Amino acid sequence: MVALLTLISQLIEFYIWIIIASAVLSWLVAFDVVNLRNRYVFLFGDALNRLTEPAYRRIRRILPNMGGLDLSPIVLIFGLMFLRNLMWEMLGPMATSGMGGY
């Protein structure tokens, strides 16, 4: 059970890094540091967008419109961190007690 919790925790952490990479790339594109006309940058950005946009869309429906400021990555990161901590708090003691929930 601990191995499963660790795997889920690592996947959540990996997704948080994908969110950070997506935000940084969007800033680099906005400030014209990188150019989306480069095929590899476009493919990388498209992959990040496909991985993050479904989660962002759900959050953007709830958040009020802040103009040009998009808070959905921050809300998603905090939500994932909360979920990971809650998972360890609720299921961690049961997994490490040696009983395995029986």
N, C-alpha and C. Protein backbone atom coordinates (compact mmCIF):
# COMPACT_ATOMS: atom_id res chain seq x y z
N MET A 1 0.82 -1.19 0.00
CA MET A 1 0.00 0.00 0.00
C MET A 1 0.87 1.26 0.00
N VAL A 2 2.01 1.21 0.71
CA VAL A 2 2.90 2.36 0.75
C VAL A 2 3.46 2.63 -0.64
N ALA A 3 3.75 1.58 -1.38
CA ALA A 3 4.28 1.75 -2.73
C ALA A 3 3.25 2.46 -3.63
N LEU A 4 1.99 2.11 -3.48
CA LEU A 4 0.94 2.75 -4.28
C LEU A 4 0.80 4.23 -3.90
N LEU A 5 0.82 4.53 -2.61
CA LEU A 5 0.73 5.92 -2.17
C LEU A 5 1.94 6.72 -2.66
N THR A 6 3.11 6.11 -2.62
CA THR A 6 4.31 6.79 -3.10
C THR A 6 4.22 7.05 -4.59
N LEU A 7 3.73 6.08 -5.35
CA LEU A 7 3.57 6.25 -6.80
C LEU A 7 2.61 7.39 -7.11
N ILE A 8 1.48 7.43 -6.44
CA ILE A 8 0.50 8.49 -6.66
C ILE A 8 1.08 9.84 -6.27
N SER A 9 1.81 9.87 -5.17
CA SER A 9 2.46 11.11 -4.74
C SER A 9 3.48 11.60 -5.76
N GLN A 10 4.25 10.68 -6.32
CA GLN A 10 5.23 11.06 -7.34
C GLN A 10 4.56 11.54 -8.62
N LEU A 11 3.45 10.92 -9.00
CA LEU A 11 2.71 11.38 -10.18
C LEU A 11 2.15 12.78 -9.98
N ILE A 12 1.65 13.05 -8.78
CA ILE A 12 1.16 14.39 -8.48
C ILE A 12 2.30 15.40 -8.55
N GLU A 13 3.45 15.04 -8.00
CA GLU A 13 4.60 15.95 -8.05
C GLU A 13 5.06 16.18 -9.49
N PHE A 14 5.06 15.14 -10.32
CA PHE A 14 5.43 15.27 -11.73
C PHE A 14 4.45 16.20 -12.46
N TYR A 15 3.17 16.08 -12.16
CA TYR A 15 2.17 16.94 -12.79
C TYR A 15 2.34 18.39 -12.34
N ILE A 16 2.75 18.60 -11.09
CA ILE A 16 3.02 19.96 -10.62
C ILE A 16 4.17 20.56 -11.41
N TRP A 17 5.19 19.78 -11.71
CA TRP A 17 6.30 20.28 -12.52
C TRP A 17 5.86 20.57 -13.95
N ILE A 18 4.93 19.79 -14.47
CA ILE A 18 4.38 20.08 -15.80
C ILE A 18 3.64 21.41 -15.78
N ILE A 19 2.89 21.68 -14.73
CA ILE A 19 2.17 22.96 -14.60
C ILE A 19 3.16 24.11 -14.54
N ILE A 20 4.23 23.96 -13.78
CA ILE A 20 5.25 25.01 -13.69
C ILE A 20 5.91 25.24 -15.04
N ALA A 21 6.25 24.17 -15.74
CA ALA A 21 6.86 24.31 -17.06
C ALA A 21 5.91 25.01 -18.03
N SER A 22 4.64 24.70 -17.95
CA SER A 22 3.65 25.34 -18.81
C SER A 22 3.56 26.84 -18.52
N ALA A 23 3.57 27.21 -17.25
CA ALA A 23 3.50 28.63 -16.88
C ALA A 23 4.76 29.37 -17.34
N VAL A 24 5.92 28.78 -17.13
CA VAL A 24 7.17 29.42 -17.55
C VAL A 24 7.21 29.58 -19.06
N LEU A 25 6.81 28.55 -19.79
CA LEU A 25 6.80 28.65 -21.25
C LEU A 25 5.83 29.73 -21.72
N SER A 26 4.69 29.84 -21.07
CA SER A 26 3.74 30.88 -21.48
C SER A 26 4.32 32.27 -21.24
N TRP A 27 5.07 32.45 -20.15
CA TRP A 27 5.73 33.73 -19.91
C TRP A 27 6.81 34.00 -20.95
N LEU A 28 7.58 32.97 -21.28
CA LEU A 28 8.64 33.15 -22.27
C LEU A 28 8.07 33.50 -23.64
N VAL A 29 6.93 32.92 -23.98
CA VAL A 29 6.28 33.24 -25.25
C VAL A 29 5.69 34.66 -25.19
N ALA A 30 5.09 35.01 -24.06
CA ALA A 30 4.47 36.33 -23.92
C ALA A 30 5.51 37.45 -24.01
N PHE A 31 6.69 37.22 -23.46
CA PHE A 31 7.74 38.24 -23.49
C PHE A 31 8.66 38.08 -24.70
N ASP A 32 8.28 37.23 -25.63
CA ASP A 32 8.97 37.02 -26.90
C ASP A 32 10.43 36.58 -26.72
N VAL A 33 10.66 35.76 -25.69
CA VAL A 33 11.97 35.18 -25.48
C VAL A 33 12.12 33.94 -26.37
N VAL A 34 11.07 33.14 -26.44
CA VAL A 34 11.04 32.00 -27.36
C VAL A 34 9.91 32.23 -28.36
N ASN A 35 10.05 31.58 -29.48
CA ASN A 35 9.12 31.79 -30.57
C ASN A 35 8.39 30.50 -30.88
N LEU A 36 7.07 30.57 -30.94
CA LEU A 36 6.28 29.36 -31.24
C LEU A 36 6.40 28.94 -32.70
N ARG A 37 7.06 29.75 -33.54
CA ARG A 37 7.27 29.33 -34.92
C ARG A 37 8.35 28.25 -35.02
N ASN A 38 9.15 28.11 -33.97
CA ASN A 38 10.10 27.01 -33.91
C ASN A 38 9.31 25.72 -33.68
N ARG A 39 9.51 24.74 -34.51
CA ARG A 39 8.72 23.51 -34.48
C ARG A 39 8.80 22.80 -33.12
N TYR A 40 10.00 22.71 -32.56
CA TYR A 40 10.17 21.98 -31.30
C TYR A 40 9.54 22.72 -30.12
N VAL A 41 9.66 24.03 -30.12
CA VAL A 41 9.03 24.82 -29.07
C VAL A 41 7.51 24.68 -29.18
N PHE A 42 7.00 24.72 -30.41
CA PHE A 42 5.56 24.57 -30.61
C PHE A 42 5.08 23.20 -30.14
N LEU A 43 5.81 22.14 -30.48
CA LEU A 43 5.41 20.79 -30.07
C LEU A 43 5.46 20.64 -28.55
N PHE A 44 6.49 21.19 -27.91
CA PHE A 44 6.61 21.13 -26.46
C PHE A 44 5.47 21.91 -25.81
N GLY A 45 5.19 23.10 -26.32
CA GLY A 45 4.11 23.91 -25.79
C GLY A 45 2.75 23.28 -25.99
N ASP A 46 2.57 22.65 -27.15
CA ASP A 46 1.30 21.98 -27.42
C ASP A 46 1.09 20.80 -26.49
N ALA A 47 2.16 20.05 -26.24
CA ALA A 47 2.06 18.91 -25.32
C ALA A 47 1.72 19.39 -23.90
N LEU A 48 2.39 20.45 -23.46
CA LEU A 48 2.09 20.99 -22.13
C LEU A 48 0.67 21.51 -22.06
N ASN A 49 0.22 22.16 -23.12
CA ASN A 49 -1.14 22.68 -23.16
C ASN A 49 -2.18 21.55 -23.10
N ARG A 50 -1.94 20.49 -23.82
CA ARG A 50 -2.87 19.36 -23.80
C ARG A 50 -2.92 18.67 -22.44
N LEU A 51 -1.81 18.70 -21.72
CA LEU A 51 -1.77 18.07 -20.40
C LEU A 51 -2.40 18.94 -19.31
N THR A 52 -2.34 20.24 -19.47
CA THR A 52 -2.80 21.12 -18.39
C THR A 52 -4.15 21.78 -18.66
N GLU A 53 -4.51 22.00 -19.89
CA GLU A 53 -5.71 22.77 -20.21
C GLU A 53 -7.01 22.15 -19.68
N PRO A 54 -7.21 20.83 -19.70
CA PRO A 54 -8.46 20.30 -19.13
C PRO A 54 -8.64 20.64 -17.65
N ALA A 55 -7.57 20.60 -16.88
CA ALA A 55 -7.67 20.95 -15.46
C ALA A 55 -7.87 22.45 -15.30
N TYR A 56 -7.16 23.25 -16.09
CA TYR A 56 -7.32 24.71 -16.03
C TYR A 56 -8.75 25.11 -16.36
N ARG A 57 -9.34 24.48 -17.35
CA ARG A 57 -10.69 24.84 -17.80
C ARG A 57 -11.70 24.69 -16.67
N ARG A 58 -11.57 23.63 -15.89
CA ARG A 58 -12.50 23.42 -14.77
C ARG A 58 -12.33 24.49 -13.70
N ILE A 59 -11.10 24.88 -13.46
CA ILE A 59 -10.83 25.90 -12.44
C ILE A 59 -11.27 27.27 -12.93
N ARG A 60 -11.06 27.56 -14.20
CA ARG A 60 -11.44 28.88 -14.75
C ARG A 60 -12.94 29.10 -14.73
N ARG A 61 -13.71 28.02 -14.76
CA ARG A 61 -15.17 28.16 -14.66
C ARG A 61 -15.58 28.67 -13.29
N ILE A 62 -14.80 28.34 -12.27
CA ILE A 62 -15.13 28.71 -10.89
C ILE A 62 -14.56 30.08 -10.53
N LEU A 63 -13.31 30.34 -10.95
CA LEU A 63 -12.64 31.60 -10.59
C LEU A 63 -13.27 32.78 -11.32
N PRO A 64 -13.32 33.94 -10.66
CA PRO A 64 -13.79 35.14 -11.36
C PRO A 64 -12.74 35.60 -12.38
N ASN A 65 -13.18 36.33 -13.37
CA ASN A 65 -12.29 36.84 -14.40
C ASN A 65 -11.39 37.92 -13.80
N MET A 66 -10.09 37.72 -13.88
CA MET A 66 -9.13 38.66 -13.31
C MET A 66 -8.43 39.48 -14.39
N GLY A 67 -9.04 39.58 -15.56
CA GLY A 67 -8.41 40.31 -16.66
C GLY A 67 -7.32 39.46 -17.29
N GLY A 68 -6.12 39.99 -17.34
CA GLY A 68 -5.00 39.26 -17.94
C GLY A 68 -4.28 38.34 -16.98
N LEU A 69 -4.71 38.29 -15.73
CA LEU A 69 -4.05 37.47 -14.72
C LEU A 69 -4.75 36.12 -14.60
N ASP A 70 -4.02 35.06 -14.87
CA ASP A 70 -4.58 33.72 -14.80
C ASP A 70 -4.06 33.03 -13.53
N LEU A 71 -4.96 32.84 -12.59
CA LEU A 71 -4.58 32.22 -11.32
C LEU A 71 -4.81 30.71 -11.29
N SER A 72 -5.31 30.15 -12.38
CA SER A 72 -5.64 28.72 -12.38
C SER A 72 -4.43 27.82 -12.14
N PRO A 73 -3.21 28.12 -12.64
CA PRO A 73 -2.08 27.24 -12.29
C PRO A 73 -1.78 27.23 -10.79
N ILE A 74 -1.87 28.38 -10.14
CA ILE A 74 -1.59 28.46 -8.71
C ILE A 74 -2.64 27.68 -7.93
N VAL A 75 -3.91 27.86 -8.31
CA VAL A 75 -5.00 27.15 -7.63
C VAL A 75 -4.84 25.64 -7.82
N LEU A 76 -4.47 25.23 -9.03
CA LEU A 76 -4.30 23.80 -9.31
C LEU A 76 -3.12 23.23 -8.51
N ILE A 77 -2.02 23.95 -8.43
CA ILE A 77 -0.87 23.47 -7.66
C ILE A 77 -1.23 23.34 -6.18
N PHE A 78 -1.90 24.35 -5.62
CA PHE A 78 -2.31 24.27 -4.22
C PHE A 78 -3.29 23.11 -4.00
N GLY A 79 -4.21 22.91 -4.94
CA GLY A 79 -5.16 21.81 -4.83
C GLY A 79 -4.47 20.45 -4.87
N LEU A 80 -3.49 20.30 -5.75
CA LEU A 80 -2.76 19.03 -5.84
C LEU A 80 -1.91 18.79 -4.59
N MET A 81 -1.30 19.84 -4.06
CA MET A 81 -0.53 19.69 -2.83
C MET A 81 -1.44 19.30 -1.67
N PHE A 82 -2.59 19.93 -1.60
CA PHE A 82 -3.56 19.59 -0.55
C PHE A 82 -4.01 18.13 -0.70
N LEU A 83 -4.29 17.71 -1.93
CA LEU A 83 -4.72 16.33 -2.18
C LEU A 83 -3.64 15.34 -1.78
N ARG A 84 -2.39 15.64 -2.12
CA ARG A 84 -1.29 14.74 -1.76
C ARG A 84 -1.13 14.65 -0.25
N ASN A 85 -1.17 15.79 0.44
CA ASN A 85 -1.03 15.77 1.89
C ASN A 85 -2.21 15.07 2.56
N LEU A 86 -3.41 15.30 2.05
CA LEU A 86 -4.59 14.63 2.59
C LEU A 86 -4.51 13.12 2.39
N MET A 87 -4.03 12.71 1.23
CA MET A 87 -3.88 11.29 0.94
C MET A 87 -2.94 10.64 1.95
N TRP A 88 -1.79 11.28 2.21
CA TRP A 88 -0.85 10.70 3.16
C TRP A 88 -1.39 10.74 4.58
N GLU A 89 -2.14 11.79 4.91
CA GLU A 89 -2.69 11.89 6.26
C GLU A 89 -3.78 10.85 6.52
N MET A 90 -4.62 10.61 5.51
CA MET A 90 -5.74 9.68 5.68
C MET A 90 -5.33 8.22 5.47
N LEU A 91 -4.52 7.97 4.44
CA LEU A 91 -4.19 6.59 4.09
C LEU A 91 -2.81 6.16 4.55
N GLY A 92 -1.94 7.12 4.84
CA GLY A 92 -0.58 6.78 5.25
C GLY A 92 -0.51 5.95 6.52
N PRO A 93 -1.20 6.35 7.60
CA PRO A 93 -1.12 5.53 8.82
C PRO A 93 -1.67 4.12 8.61
N MET A 94 -2.70 4.00 7.81
CA MET A 94 -3.27 2.68 7.55
C MET A 94 -2.28 1.82 6.76
N ALA A 95 -1.55 2.46 5.83
CA ALA A 95 -0.61 1.70 5.01
C ALA A 95 0.63 1.31 5.78
N THR A 96 1.05 2.14 6.70
CA THR A 96 2.29 1.85 7.42
C THR A 96 2.07 1.10 8.73
N SER A 97 0.82 0.86 9.10
CA SER A 97 0.56 0.17 10.36
C SER A 97 0.87 -1.32 10.29
N GLY A 98 1.06 -1.85 9.09
CA GLY A 98 1.35 -3.27 8.94
C GLY A 98 0.10 -4.11 8.78
N MET A 99 -1.06 -3.52 9.04
CA MET A 99 -2.30 -4.28 8.91
C MET A 99 -2.83 -4.18 7.49
N GLY A 100 -2.45 -3.15 6.75
CA GLY A 100 -2.89 -3.04 5.37
C GLY A 100 -4.38 -2.76 5.24
N GLY A 101 -5.01 -2.29 6.30
CA GLY A 101 -6.42 -1.96 6.22
C GLY A 101 -7.35 -3.12 6.55
N TYR A 102 -6.81 -4.21 7.06
CA TYR A 102 -7.68 -5.36 7.38
C TYR A 102 -8.13 -5.28 8.81
